[in-house]
PDB file of all heavy atoms in Angstrom:
ATOM      1  N   SER A   1      96.471 121.887 111.708  1.00  0.00           N
ATOM      2  CA  SER A   1      96.797 122.610 110.474  1.00  0.00           C
ATOM      3  C   SER A   1      97.051 121.752 109.169  1.00  0.00           C
ATOM      4  O   SER A   1      96.661 122.064 108.102  1.00  0.00           O
ATOM      5  CB  SER A   1      97.819 123.740 110.663  1.00  0.00           C
ATOM      6  OG  SER A   1      99.104 123.142 110.796  1.00  0.00           O
ATOM      7  N   LEU A   2      97.777 120.667 109.537  1.00  0.00           N
ATOM      8  CA  LEU A   2      98.142 119.648 108.630  1.00  0.00           C
ATOM      9  C   LEU A   2      96.738 118.939 108.139  1.00  0.00           C
ATOM     10  O   LEU A   2      96.655 118.782 106.893  1.00  0.00           O
ATOM     11  CB  LEU A   2      99.129 118.675 108.991  1.00  0.00           C
ATOM     12  CG  LEU A   2     100.510 119.215 109.201  1.00  0.00           C
ATOM     13  CD1 LEU A   2     101.443 118.081 109.670  1.00  0.00           C
ATOM     14  CD2 LEU A   2     101.177 119.867 107.916  1.00  0.00           C
ATOM     15  N   ARG A   3      95.997 118.618 109.059  1.00  0.00           N
ATOM     16  CA  ARG A   3      94.731 117.912 108.721  1.00  0.00           C
ATOM     17  C   ARG A   3      93.850 118.745 107.968  1.00  0.00           C
ATOM     18  O   ARG A   3      93.019 118.338 107.119  1.00  0.00           O
ATOM     19  CB  ARG A   3      94.055 117.501 109.963  1.00  0.00           C
ATOM     20  CG  ARG A   3      94.805 116.390 110.856  1.00  0.00           C
ATOM     21  CD  ARG A   3      93.917 115.788 111.887  1.00  0.00           C
ATOM     22  NE  ARG A   3      94.553 114.664 112.626  1.00  0.00           N
ATOM     23  CZ  ARG A   3      94.609 113.458 112.210  1.00  0.00           C
ATOM     24  NH1 ARG A   3      94.024 113.049 110.997  1.00  0.00           N
ATOM     25  NH2 ARG A   3      95.175 112.561 112.840  1.00  0.00           N
ATOM     26  N   ASP A   4      93.841 120.054 108.192  1.00  0.00           N
ATOM     27  CA  ASP A   4      92.978 121.036 107.426  1.00  0.00           C
ATOM     28  C   ASP A   4      93.572 121.244 106.049  1.00  0.00           C
ATOM     29  O   ASP A   4      92.767 121.697 105.177  1.00  0.00           O
ATOM     30  CB  ASP A   4      93.076 122.349 108.148  1.00  0.00           C
ATOM     31  CG  ASP A   4      92.240 122.412 109.477  1.00  0.00           C
ATOM     32  OD1 ASP A   4      91.450 121.426 109.636  1.00  0.00           O
ATOM     33  OD2 ASP A   4      92.475 123.286 110.285  1.00  0.00           O
ATOM     34  N   SER A   5      94.752 121.006 105.818  1.00  0.00           N
ATOM     35  CA  SER A   5      95.518 121.302 104.540  1.00  0.00           C
ATOM     36  C   SER A   5      95.485 120.096 103.661  1.00  0.00           C
ATOM     37  O   SER A   5      95.541 120.319 102.383  1.00  0.00           O
ATOM     38  CB  SER A   5      96.843 121.939 104.739  1.00  0.00           C
ATOM     39  OG  SER A   5      96.726 123.088 105.565  1.00  0.00           O
ATOM     40  N   TYR A   6      95.809 118.845 104.115  1.00  0.00           N
ATOM     41  CA  TYR A   6      96.197 117.715 103.352  1.00  0.00           C
ATOM     42  C   TYR A   6      95.085 116.831 103.120  1.00  0.00           C
ATOM     43  O   TYR A   6      94.158 116.756 103.973  1.00  0.00           O
ATOM     44  CB  TYR A   6      97.308 117.033 103.946  1.00  0.00           C
ATOM     45  CG  TYR A   6      98.753 117.588 103.759  1.00  0.00           C
ATOM     46  CD1 TYR A   6      99.204 118.602 104.598  1.00  0.00           C
ATOM     47  CD2 TYR A   6      99.483 117.226 102.804  1.00  0.00           C
ATOM     48  CE1 TYR A   6     100.406 119.284 104.348  1.00  0.00           C
ATOM     49  CE2 TYR A   6     100.674 117.847 102.524  1.00  0.00           C
ATOM     50  CZ  TYR A   6     101.159 118.734 103.383  1.00  0.00           C
ATOM     51  OH  TYR A   6     102.338 119.448 103.127  1.00  0.00           O
ATOM     52  N   PRO A   7      95.022 116.154 101.875  1.00  0.00           N
ATOM     53  CA  PRO A   7      93.949 115.180 101.737  1.00  0.00           C
ATOM     54  C   PRO A   7      94.193 113.922 102.548  1.00  0.00           C
ATOM     55  O   PRO A   7      95.309 113.720 103.021  1.00  0.00           O
ATOM     56  CB  PRO A   7      94.297 114.853 100.195  1.00  0.00           C
ATOM     57  CG  PRO A   7      95.687 115.227  99.920  1.00  0.00           C
ATOM     58  CD  PRO A   7      95.895 116.368 100.791  1.00  0.00           C
ATOM     59  N   PRO A   8      93.151 113.134 102.773  1.00  0.00           N
ATOM     60  CA  PRO A   8      93.322 111.984 103.653  1.00  0.00           C
ATOM     61  C   PRO A   8      94.290 111.036 103.364  1.00  0.00           C
ATOM     62  O   PRO A   8      94.970 110.421 104.213  1.00  0.00           O
ATOM     63  CB  PRO A   8      91.848 111.377 103.567  1.00  0.00           C
ATOM     64  CG  PRO A   8      90.951 112.557 103.058  1.00  0.00           C
ATOM     65  CD  PRO A   8      91.775 113.333 102.186  1.00  0.00           C
ATOM     66  N   GLN A   9      94.609 110.694 102.051  1.00  0.00           N
ATOM     67  CA  GLN A   9      95.506 109.737 101.702  1.00  0.00           C
ATOM     68  C   GLN A   9      96.881 109.975 102.034  1.00  0.00           C
ATOM     69  O   GLN A   9      97.867 109.131 102.056  1.00  0.00           O
ATOM     70  CB  GLN A   9      95.385 109.194 100.273  1.00  0.00           C
ATOM     71  CG  GLN A   9      96.144 110.247  99.258  1.00  0.00           C
ATOM     72  CD  GLN A   9      95.359 111.388  98.765  1.00  0.00           C
ATOM     73  OE1 GLN A   9      94.340 111.699  99.327  1.00  0.00           O
ATOM     74  NE2 GLN A   9      95.696 111.890  97.578  1.00  0.00           N
ATOM     75  N   LEU A  10      97.161 111.355 102.315  1.00  0.00           N
ATOM     76  CA  LEU A  10      98.635 111.728 102.676  1.00  0.00           C
ATOM     77  C   LEU A  10      98.782 111.859 104.265  1.00  0.00           C
ATOM     78  O   LEU A  10      99.884 111.970 104.641  1.00  0.00           O
ATOM     79  CB  LEU A  10      98.886 113.101 102.201  1.00  0.00           C
ATOM     80  CG  LEU A  10      99.014 113.213 100.705  1.00  0.00           C
ATOM     81  CD1 LEU A  10      99.395 114.626 100.149  1.00  0.00           C
ATOM     82  CD2 LEU A  10      99.952 112.078 100.033  1.00  0.00           C
ATOM     83  N   ILE A  11      97.676 111.760 105.008  1.00  0.00           N
ATOM     84  CA  ILE A  11      97.934 111.940 106.435  1.00  0.00           C
ATOM     85  C   ILE A  11      98.639 110.780 107.080  1.00  0.00           C
ATOM     86  O   ILE A  11      99.573 111.035 107.871  1.00  0.00           O
ATOM     87  CB  ILE A  11      96.463 112.003 107.006  1.00  0.00           C
ATOM     88  CG1 ILE A  11      95.796 113.432 106.744  1.00  0.00           C
ATOM     89  CG2 ILE A  11      96.557 111.999 108.600  1.00  0.00           C
ATOM     90  CD1 ILE A  11      96.621 114.528 107.093  1.00  0.00           C
ATOM     91  N   GLU A  12      98.305 109.490 106.539  1.00  0.00           N
ATOM     92  CA  GLU A  12      99.146 108.384 107.209  1.00  0.00           C
ATOM     93  C   GLU A  12     100.650 108.504 106.846  1.00  0.00           C
ATOM     94  O   GLU A  12     101.540 108.232 107.739  1.00  0.00           O
ATOM     95  CB  GLU A  12      98.683 107.139 106.586  1.00  0.00           C
ATOM     96  CG  GLU A  12      97.302 106.658 107.127  1.00  0.00           C
ATOM     97  CD  GLU A  12      96.904 105.270 106.647  1.00  0.00           C
ATOM     98  OE1 GLU A  12      97.603 104.254 107.146  1.00  0.00           O
ATOM     99  OE2 GLU A  12      96.021 105.016 105.759  1.00  0.00           O
ATOM    100  N   ALA A  13     100.959 109.026 105.636  1.00  0.00           N
ATOM    101  CA  ALA A  13     102.371 109.124 105.291  1.00  0.00           C
ATOM    102  C   ALA A  13     102.937 110.317 106.039  1.00  0.00           C
ATOM    103  O   ALA A  13     104.103 110.298 106.632  1.00  0.00           O
ATOM    104  CB  ALA A  13     102.446 109.246 103.824  1.00  0.00           C
ATOM    105  N   TYR A  14     102.266 111.566 105.959  1.00  0.00           N
ATOM    106  CA  TYR A  14     102.917 112.778 106.377  1.00  0.00           C
ATOM    107  C   TYR A  14     102.773 113.131 107.942  1.00  0.00           C
ATOM    108  O   TYR A  14     103.331 113.952 108.385  1.00  0.00           O
ATOM    109  CB  TYR A  14     102.366 113.814 105.527  1.00  0.00           C
ATOM    110  CG  TYR A  14     102.852 113.878 104.043  1.00  0.00           C
ATOM    111  CD1 TYR A  14     102.362 114.736 103.155  1.00  0.00           C
ATOM    112  CD2 TYR A  14     103.905 112.925 103.689  1.00  0.00           C
ATOM    113  CE1 TYR A  14     102.859 114.637 101.815  1.00  0.00           C
ATOM    114  CE2 TYR A  14     104.270 112.860 102.390  1.00  0.00           C
ATOM    115  CZ  TYR A  14     103.765 113.723 101.412  1.00  0.00           C
ATOM    116  OH  TYR A  14     104.157 113.692 100.115  1.00  0.00           O
ATOM    117  N   LEU A  15     101.851 112.401 108.619  1.00  0.00           N
ATOM    118  CA  LEU A  15     101.662 112.506 109.943  1.00  0.00           C
ATOM    119  C   LEU A  15     102.150 111.220 110.741  1.00  0.00           C
ATOM    120  O   LEU A  15     102.825 111.379 111.757  1.00  0.00           O
ATOM    121  CB  LEU A  15     100.087 112.758 110.341  1.00  0.00           C
ATOM    122  CG  LEU A  15      99.686 114.215 110.314  1.00  0.00           C
ATOM    123  CD1 LEU A  15      98.230 114.265 110.655  1.00  0.00           C
ATOM    124  CD2 LEU A  15     100.429 115.181 111.110  1.00  0.00           C
ATOM    125  N   GLN A  16     101.784 110.156 110.173  1.00  0.00           N
ATOM    126  CA  GLN A  16     102.129 108.879 110.919  1.00  0.00           C
ATOM    127  C   GLN A  16     103.432 108.363 110.484  1.00  0.00           C
ATOM    128  O   GLN A  16     103.967 107.412 111.110  1.00  0.00           O
ATOM    129  CB  GLN A  16     101.042 107.824 110.727  1.00  0.00           C
ATOM    130  CG  GLN A  16      99.677 108.249 111.195  1.00  0.00           C
ATOM    131  CD  GLN A  16      99.521 108.406 112.740  1.00  0.00           C
ATOM    132  OE1 GLN A  16     100.446 108.013 113.441  1.00  0.00           O
ATOM    133  NE2 GLN A  16      98.560 109.216 113.170  1.00  0.00           N
ATOM    134  N   GLY A  17     104.013 108.740 109.355  1.00  0.00           N
ATOM    135  CA  GLY A  17     105.314 108.188 108.904  1.00  0.00           C
ATOM    136  C   GLY A  17     105.150 106.732 108.373  1.00  0.00           C
ATOM    137  O   GLY A  17     105.984 106.035 108.370  1.00  0.00           O
ATOM    138  N   GLU A  18     103.961 106.446 107.801  1.00  0.00           N
ATOM    139  CA  GLU A  18     103.639 105.146 107.259  1.00  0.00           C
ATOM    140  C   GLU A  18     103.787 105.041 105.765  1.00  0.00           C
ATOM    141  O   GLU A  18     103.581 106.055 105.087  1.00  0.00           O
ATOM    142  CB  GLU A  18     102.172 104.748 107.728  1.00  0.00           C
ATOM    143  CG  GLU A  18     101.966 104.561 109.189  1.00  0.00           C
ATOM    144  CD  GLU A  18     102.691 103.447 109.830  1.00  0.00           C
ATOM    145  OE1 GLU A  18     103.076 102.481 108.977  1.00  0.00           O
ATOM    146  OE2 GLU A  18     102.747 103.399 111.105  1.00  0.00           O
ATOM    147  N   PHE A  19     104.135 103.952 105.189  1.00  0.00           N
ATOM    148  CA  PHE A  19     104.179 103.722 103.891  1.00  0.00           C
ATOM    149  C   PHE A  19     102.773 103.476 103.245  1.00  0.00           C
ATOM    150  O   PHE A  19     102.106 102.472 103.657  1.00  0.00           O
ATOM    151  CB  PHE A  19     105.031 102.532 103.456  1.00  0.00           C
ATOM    152  CG  PHE A  19     106.556 102.870 103.759  1.00  0.00           C
ATOM    153  CD1 PHE A  19     107.066 102.277 105.010  1.00  0.00           C
ATOM    154  CD2 PHE A  19     107.285 103.688 102.956  1.00  0.00           C
ATOM    155  CE1 PHE A  19     108.394 102.552 105.363  1.00  0.00           C
ATOM    156  CE2 PHE A  19     108.691 103.804 103.274  1.00  0.00           C
ATOM    157  CZ  PHE A  19     109.142 103.224 104.471  1.00  0.00           C
ATOM    158  N   VAL A  20     102.252 104.322 102.441  1.00  0.00           N
ATOM    159  CA  VAL A  20     100.974 104.106 101.753  1.00  0.00           C
ATOM    160  C   VAL A  20     101.157 104.301 100.319  1.00  0.00           C
ATOM    161  O   VAL A  20     102.026 104.962  99.770  1.00  0.00           O
ATOM    162  CB  VAL A  20      99.995 105.096 102.343  1.00  0.00           C
ATOM    163  CG1 VAL A  20      99.698 104.786 103.786  1.00  0.00           C
ATOM    164  CG2 VAL A  20     100.316 106.473 102.137  1.00  0.00           C
ATOM    165  N   ASN A  21     100.280 103.738  99.548  1.00  0.00           N
ATOM    166  CA  ASN A  21     100.289 103.819  98.088  1.00  0.00           C
ATOM    167  C   ASN A  21      99.792 105.130  97.654  1.00  0.00           C
ATOM    168  O   ASN A  21      98.596 105.511  97.830  1.00  0.00           O
ATOM    169  CB  ASN A  21      99.523 102.711  97.443  1.00  0.00           C
ATOM    170  CG  ASN A  21      99.925 102.393  95.938  1.00  0.00           C
ATOM    171  OD1 ASN A  21     100.444 103.432  95.323  1.00  0.00           O
ATOM    172  ND2 ASN A  21      99.873 101.247  95.513  1.00  0.00           N
ATOM    173  N   LEU A  22     100.588 105.955  97.095  1.00  0.00           N
ATOM    174  CA  LEU A  22     100.369 107.328  96.694  1.00  0.00           C
ATOM    175  C   LEU A  22     100.178 107.320  95.084  1.00  0.00           C
ATOM    176  O   LEU A  22      99.928 108.490  94.643  1.00  0.00           O
ATOM    177  CB  LEU A  22     101.392 108.468  97.109  1.00  0.00           C
ATOM    178  CG  LEU A  22     101.507 108.410  98.621  1.00  0.00           C
ATOM    179  CD1 LEU A  22     102.676 109.533  98.901  1.00  0.00           C
ATOM    180  CD2 LEU A  22     100.263 108.805  99.365  1.00  0.00           C
ATOM    181  N   THR A  23     100.488 106.342  94.389  1.00  0.00           N
ATOM    182  CA  THR A  23     100.501 106.420  92.920  1.00  0.00           C
ATOM    183  C   THR A  23      99.819 105.054  92.386  1.00  0.00           C
ATOM    184  O   THR A  23     100.321 104.361  91.493  1.00  0.00           O
ATOM    185  CB  THR A  23     101.972 106.330  92.475  1.00  0.00           C
ATOM    186  OG1 THR A  23     102.669 105.172  92.987  1.00  0.00           O
ATOM    187  CG2 THR A  23     102.683 107.714  92.864  1.00  0.00           C
ATOM    188  N   SER A  24      98.623 104.898  92.780  1.00  0.00           N
ATOM    189  CA  SER A  24      97.844 103.768  92.184  1.00  0.00           C
ATOM    190  C   SER A  24      96.335 104.140  92.265  1.00  0.00           C
ATOM    191  O   SER A  24      95.902 105.103  92.868  1.00  0.00           O
ATOM    192  CB  SER A  24      97.924 102.427  92.992  1.00  0.00           C
ATOM    193  OG  SER A  24      97.310 102.557  94.168  1.00  0.00           O
ATOM    194  N   GLY A  25      95.537 103.572  91.302  1.00  0.00           N
ATOM    195  CA  GLY A  25      94.100 103.831  91.184  1.00  0.00           C
ATOM    196  C   GLY A  25      94.053 105.263  90.403  1.00  0.00           C
ATOM    197  O   GLY A  25      94.818 105.580  89.598  1.00  0.00           O
ATOM    198  N   THR A  26      93.047 106.034  90.813  1.00  0.00           N
ATOM    199  CA  THR A  26      92.790 107.270  90.115  1.00  0.00           C
ATOM    200  C   THR A  26      93.783 108.285  90.770  1.00  0.00           C
ATOM    201  O   THR A  26      94.039 108.297  91.820  1.00  0.00           O
ATOM    202  CB  THR A  26      91.310 107.759  90.218  1.00  0.00           C
ATOM    203  OG1 THR A  26      90.928 107.736  91.633  1.00  0.00           O
ATOM    204  CG2 THR A  26      90.350 106.687  89.510  1.00  0.00           C
ATOM    205  N   VAL A  27      93.980 109.218  89.904  1.00  0.00           N
ATOM    206  CA  VAL A  27      94.945 110.349  90.308  1.00  0.00           C
ATOM    207  C   VAL A  27      94.275 111.428  91.323  1.00  0.00           C
ATOM    208  O   VAL A  27      94.963 111.917  92.220  1.00  0.00           O
ATOM    209  CB  VAL A  27      95.485 111.039  89.105  1.00  0.00           C
ATOM    210  CG1 VAL A  27      96.372 112.371  89.556  1.00  0.00           C
ATOM    211  CG2 VAL A  27      96.190 110.175  88.135  1.00  0.00           C
ATOM    212  N   TYR A  28      92.880 111.492  91.111  1.00  0.00           N
ATOM    213  CA  TYR A  28      92.213 112.561  91.983  1.00  0.00           C
ATOM    214  C   TYR A  28      91.067 111.659  92.801  1.00  0.00           C
ATOM    215  O   TYR A  28      89.905 111.921  92.494  1.00  0.00           O
ATOM    216  CB  TYR A  28      91.650 113.503  91.136  1.00  0.00           C
ATOM    217  CG  TYR A  28      92.694 114.204  90.374  1.00  0.00           C
ATOM    218  CD1 TYR A  28      92.878 113.992  89.023  1.00  0.00           C
ATOM    219  CD2 TYR A  28      93.406 115.359  90.987  1.00  0.00           C
ATOM    220  CE1 TYR A  28      93.985 114.626  88.246  1.00  0.00           C
ATOM    221  CE2 TYR A  28      94.357 115.985  90.226  1.00  0.00           C
ATOM    222  CZ  TYR A  28      94.670 115.637  89.068  1.00  0.00           C
ATOM    223  OH  TYR A  28      95.676 116.279  88.365  1.00  0.00           O
ATOM    224  N   PRO A  29      91.453 110.858  93.679  1.00  0.00           N
ATOM    225  CA  PRO A  29      90.413 110.131  94.388  1.00  0.00           C
ATOM    226  C   PRO A  29      89.544 110.907  95.332  1.00  0.00           C
ATOM    227  O   PRO A  29      88.507 110.414  95.793  1.00  0.00           O
ATOM    228  CB  PRO A  29      91.369 109.163  95.316  1.00  0.00           C
ATOM    229  CG  PRO A  29      92.650 109.891  95.475  1.00  0.00           C
ATOM    230  CD  PRO A  29      92.794 110.630  94.257  1.00  0.00           C
ATOM    231  N   GLN A  30      89.887 111.998  95.692  1.00  0.00           N
ATOM    232  CA  GLN A  30      89.154 112.946  96.609  1.00  0.00           C
ATOM    233  C   GLN A  30      87.977 113.645  95.782  1.00  0.00           C
ATOM    234  O   GLN A  30      87.078 114.231  96.442  1.00  0.00           O
ATOM    235  CB  GLN A  30      89.883 114.032  97.264  1.00  0.00           C
ATOM    236  CG  GLN A  30      91.064 113.398  98.113  1.00  0.00           C
ATOM    237  CD  GLN A  30      90.665 112.275  99.054  1.00  0.00           C
ATOM    238  OE1 GLN A  30      89.589 112.383  99.595  1.00  0.00           O
ATOM    239  NE2 GLN A  30      91.430 111.137  98.954  1.00  0.00           N
ATOM    240  N   PHE A  31      87.977 113.622  94.458  1.00  0.00           N
ATOM    241  CA  PHE A  31      86.844 114.258  93.735  1.00  0.00           C
ATOM    242  C   PHE A  31      85.649 113.264  93.709  1.00  0.00           C
ATOM    243  O   PHE A  31      85.727 112.105  93.374  1.00  0.00           O
ATOM    244  CB  PHE A  31      87.337 114.524  92.304  1.00  0.00           C
ATOM    245  CG  PHE A  31      86.169 115.048  91.474  1.00  0.00           C
ATOM    246  CD1 PHE A  31      85.754 116.326  91.588  1.00  0.00           C
ATOM    247  CD2 PHE A  31      85.564 114.214  90.463  1.00  0.00           C
ATOM    248  CE1 PHE A  31      84.618 116.855  90.888  1.00  0.00           C
ATOM    249  CE2 PHE A  31      84.612 114.762  89.723  1.00  0.00           C
ATOM    250  CZ  PHE A  31      84.154 115.983  89.835  1.00  0.00           C
TER     251      PHE A  31
END
């Protein structure tokens, strides 16, 4: 259900508990 709901860049953080850059590059990378 989390994979169905969240964008890919958040899965490492919110499923794996890893530190990933959430505030660099474009704001909407999934578009």
